[in-house]
Amino acid sequence: MSNKSKRFPPEFRDRAARMVLEEEKNHPSRWSAVMMIAPKLDIHPDMLSKWTRLHERANASAVSDLPDREKIRQLERENRELRQTNEILHKASTYFAEGELDRHASSGHNALH
C-alpha cells in the first residue's frame, strides 16, 4: 500500500464502508468483500474492515429511528451512490487494463512468442 500516513476524508471512509456492505451480499463473508475492495481503493483491509464496523454502528440507530419511507429513500440514495462508484471503478479498471494491453503490444510481446 502507498503512504501509510495518508488521511482519508469521512466521505471516502463512509463510501468505502457502504461498498463493503453492498458487496458483502455477493461473497461468503464480509472479509472476502473487504479483501476484494481494499486493493481497489489502495487501503489496508484491516482499516477498511474497521471503517465498515464503525459505519454500521454509527448508522444503526440513525436508520432504525427513521420512518419507513425515509429509510427507503436513504437506502435508494446509498444504492445510487454505490452504483456510481462501481461504474467509476469499472471504467477505471477497463482504462488501466487497456493501457496494459497497449503497453505489451507496443513492446513487441505477442502470443506467438
C-alpha atoms as a PDB file:
ATOM      1  CA  MET A   1       0.000   0.000   0.000  1.00  0.00           C
ATOM      2  CA  SER A   2       1.110   3.533  -0.506  1.00  0.00           C
ATOM      3  CA  ASN A   3       1.706   6.225   2.104  1.00  0.00           C
ATOM      4  CA  LYS A   4       0.587   4.864   5.499  1.00  0.00           C
ATOM      5  CA  SER A   5       0.090   8.321   6.957  1.00  0.00           C
ATOM      6  CA  LYS A   6      -2.415   9.180   4.235  1.00  0.00           C
ATOM      7  CA  ARG A   7      -5.571  10.706   5.694  1.00  0.00           C
ATOM      8  CA  PHE A   8      -8.925   9.830   4.234  1.00  0.00           C
ATOM      9  CA  PRO A   9     -11.902  12.191   4.420  1.00  0.00           C
ATOM     10  CA  PRO A  10     -15.007  10.933   6.246  1.00  0.00           C
ATOM     11  CA  GLU A  11     -16.967  10.846   2.979  1.00  0.00           C
ATOM     12  CA  PHE A  12     -14.409   8.450   1.477  1.00  0.00           C
ATOM     13  CA  ARG A  13     -14.474   6.206   4.560  1.00  0.00           C
ATOM     14  CA  ASP A  14     -18.282   6.115   4.585  1.00  0.00           C
ATOM     15  CA  ARG A  15     -18.483   5.343   0.884  1.00  0.00           C
ATOM     16  CA  ALA A  16     -15.862   2.598   1.201  1.00  0.00           C
ATOM     17  CA  ALA A  17     -17.787   1.068   4.109  1.00  0.00           C
ATOM     18  CA  ARG A  18     -21.038   1.170   2.135  1.00  0.00           C
ATOM     19  CA  MET A  19     -19.277  -0.549  -0.765  1.00  0.00           C
ATOM     20  CA  VAL A  20     -18.267  -3.383   1.571  1.00  0.00           C
ATOM     21  CA  LEU A  21     -21.770  -3.705   2.992  1.00  0.00           C
ATOM     22  CA  GLU A  22     -23.250  -3.850  -0.506  1.00  0.00           C
ATOM     23  CA  GLU A  23     -20.614  -6.218  -1.888  1.00  0.00           C
ATOM     24  CA  GLU A  24     -20.873  -8.492   1.161  1.00  0.00           C
ATOM     25  CA  LYS A  25     -24.071  -9.960  -0.329  1.00  0.00           C
ATOM     26  CA  ASN A  26     -22.011 -11.399  -3.209  1.00  0.00           C
ATOM     27  CA  HIS A  27     -19.379 -13.043  -1.004  1.00  0.00           C
ATOM     28  CA  PRO A  28     -19.298 -15.854   1.545  1.00  0.00           C
ATOM     29  CA  SER A  29     -18.065 -13.436   4.222  1.00  0.00           C
ATOM     30  CA  ARG A  30     -17.570  -9.768   4.918  1.00  0.00           C
ATOM     31  CA  TRP A  31     -13.809 -10.310   4.987  1.00  0.00           C
ATOM     32  CA  SER A  32     -13.799 -11.609   1.406  1.00  0.00           C
ATOM     33  CA  ALA A  33     -15.698  -8.486   0.332  1.00  0.00           C
ATOM     34  CA  VAL A  34     -13.160  -6.345   2.209  1.00  0.00           C
ATOM     35  CA  MET A  35     -10.280  -8.211   0.549  1.00  0.00           C
ATOM     36  CA  MET A  36     -11.773  -7.537  -2.883  1.00  0.00           C
ATOM     37  CA  ILE A  37     -12.448  -3.821  -2.332  1.00  0.00           C
ATOM     38  CA  ALA A  38      -9.432  -2.703  -0.249  1.00  0.00           C
ATOM     39  CA  PRO A  39      -6.806  -3.060  -3.014  1.00  0.00           C
ATOM     40  CA  LYS A  40      -9.039  -1.197  -5.467  1.00  0.00           C
ATOM     41  CA  LEU A  41      -9.171   1.738  -3.062  1.00  0.00           C
ATOM     42  CA  ASP A  42      -5.482   1.420  -2.128  1.00  0.00           C
ATOM     43  CA  ILE A  43      -6.187   0.933   1.572  1.00  0.00           C
ATOM     44  CA  HIS A  44      -5.266  -1.803   4.038  1.00  0.00           C
ATOM     45  CA  PRO A  45      -8.012  -4.427   4.514  1.00  0.00           C
ATOM     46  CA  ASP A  46      -7.897  -4.085   8.317  1.00  0.00           C
ATOM     47  CA  MET A  47      -8.551  -0.356   8.001  1.00  0.00           C
ATOM     48  CA  LEU A  48     -11.482  -0.925   5.637  1.00  0.00           C
ATOM     49  CA  SER A  49     -12.914  -3.546   7.978  1.00  0.00           C
ATOM     50  CA  LYS A  50     -12.684  -1.108  10.896  1.00  0.00           C
ATOM     51  CA  TRP A  51     -14.347   1.659   8.862  1.00  0.00           C
ATOM     52  CA  THR A  52     -17.171  -0.745   7.987  1.00  0.00           C
ATOM     53  CA  ARG A  53     -17.792  -1.669  11.626  1.00  0.00           C
ATOM     54  CA  LEU A  54     -17.740   1.999  12.660  1.00  0.00           C
ATOM     55  CA  HIS A  55     -20.078   2.900   9.807  1.00  0.00           C
ATOM     56  CA  GLU A  56     -22.530   0.188  10.870  1.00  0.00           C
ATOM     57  CA  ARG A  57     -22.523   1.315  14.493  1.00  0.00           C
ATOM     58  CA  ALA A  58     -22.931   4.968  13.579  1.00  0.00           C
ATOM     59  CA  ASN A  59     -25.825   4.286  11.237  1.00  0.00           C
ATOM     60  CA  ALA A  60     -27.630   1.512  13.114  1.00  0.00           C
ATOM     61  CA  SER A  61     -29.508   3.799  15.463  1.00  0.00           C
ATOM     62  CA  ALA A  62     -29.992   6.544  12.873  1.00  0.00           C
ATOM     63  CA  VAL A  63     -31.673   4.215  10.378  1.00  0.00           C
ATOM     64  CA  SER A  64     -33.823   2.429  12.938  1.00  0.00           C
ATOM     65  CA  ASP A  65     -35.267   5.748  14.163  1.00  0.00           C
ATOM     66  CA  LEU A  66     -36.405   6.857  10.701  1.00  0.00           C
ATOM     67  CA  PRO A  67     -39.893   6.276   9.324  1.00  0.00           C
ATOM     68  CA  ASP A  68     -40.069   3.511   6.700  1.00  0.00           C
ATOM     69  CA  ARG A  69     -40.469   5.916   3.803  1.00  0.00           C
ATOM     70  CA  GLU A  70     -37.351   7.846   4.782  1.00  0.00           C
ATOM     71  CA  LYS A  71     -35.411   4.608   5.300  1.00  0.00           C
ATOM     72  CA  ILE A  72     -36.296   3.584   1.754  1.00  0.00           C
ATOM     73  CA  ARG A  73     -35.207   6.966   0.384  1.00  0.00           C
ATOM     74  CA  GLN A  74     -31.919   6.769   2.271  1.00  0.00           C
ATOM     75  CA  LEU A  75     -31.254   3.219   1.062  1.00  0.00           C
ATOM     76  CA  GLU A  76     -32.128   4.169  -2.524  1.00  0.00           C
ATOM     77  CA  ARG A  77     -29.725   7.120  -2.319  1.00  0.00           C
ATOM     78  CA  GLU A  78     -26.955   4.872  -0.969  1.00  0.00           C
ATOM     79  CA  ASN A  79     -27.720   2.338  -3.706  1.00  0.00           C
ATOM     80  CA  ARG A  80     -27.359   5.047  -6.389  1.00  0.00           C
ATOM     81  CA  GLU A  81     -24.057   6.183  -4.883  1.00  0.00           C
ATOM     82  CA  LEU A  82     -22.752   2.614  -4.802  1.00  0.00           C
ATOM     83  CA  ARG A  83     -23.783   2.027  -8.406  1.00  0.00           C
ATOM     84  CA  GLN A  84     -21.991   5.209  -9.444  1.00  0.00           C
ATOM     85  CA  THR A  85     -18.893   4.174  -7.510  1.00  0.00           C
ATOM     86  CA  ASN A  86     -18.965   0.709  -9.084  1.00  0.00           C
ATOM     87  CA  GLU A  87     -19.307   2.262 -12.532  1.00  0.00           C
ATOM     88  CA  ILE A  88     -16.321   4.526 -11.891  1.00  0.00           C
ATOM     89  CA  LEU A  89     -14.239   1.580 -10.642  1.00  0.00           C
ATOM     90  CA  HIS A  90     -15.257  -0.484 -13.669  1.00  0.00           C
ATOM     91  CA  LYS A  91     -14.325   2.299 -16.086  1.00  0.00           C
ATOM     92  CA  ALA A  92     -11.007   2.845 -14.308  1.00  0.00           C
ATOM     93  CA  SER A  93     -10.124  -0.844 -14.364  1.00  0.00           C
ATOM     94  CA  THR A  94     -11.037  -1.051 -18.053  1.00  0.00           C
ATOM     95  CA  TYR A  95      -8.910   2.003 -18.806  1.00  0.00           C
ATOM     96  CA  PHE A  96      -5.893   0.611 -16.977  1.00  0.00           C
ATOM     97  CA  ALA A  97      -6.343  -2.861 -18.484  1.00  0.00           C
ATOM     98  CA  GLU A  98      -6.410  -1.365 -21.987  1.00  0.00           C
ATOM     99  CA  GLY A  99      -3.282   0.635 -21.174  1.00  0.00           C
ATOM    100  CA  GLU A 100      -1.542  -2.530 -20.022  1.00  0.00           C
ATOM    101  CA  LEU A 101      -2.525  -4.314 -23.242  1.00  0.00           C
ATOM    102  CA  ASP A 102      -1.279  -1.377 -25.306  1.00  0.00           C
ATOM    103  CA  ARG A 103       1.995  -1.370 -23.383  1.00  0.00           C
ATOM    104  CA  HIS A 104       2.539  -5.072 -24.057  1.00  0.00           C
ATOM    105  CA  ALA A 105       1.623  -4.707 -27.733  1.00  0.00           C
ATOM    106  CA  SER A 106       3.978  -1.773 -28.261  1.00  0.00           C
ATOM    107  CA  SER A 107       6.881  -3.543 -26.545  1.00  0.00           C
ATOM    108  CA  GLY A 108       6.789  -6.354 -29.085  1.00  0.00           C
ATOM    109  CA  HIS A 109       5.185  -9.042 -26.927  1.00  0.00           C
ATOM    110  CA  ASN A 110       2.691 -11.236 -28.660  1.00  0.00           C
ATOM    111  CA  ALA A 111       1.030 -14.591 -28.165  1.00  0.00           C
ATOM    112  CA  LEU A 112       3.155 -16.347 -30.826  1.00  0.00           C
ATOM    113  CA  HIS A 113       6.470 -15.973 -28.945  1.00  0.00           C
END
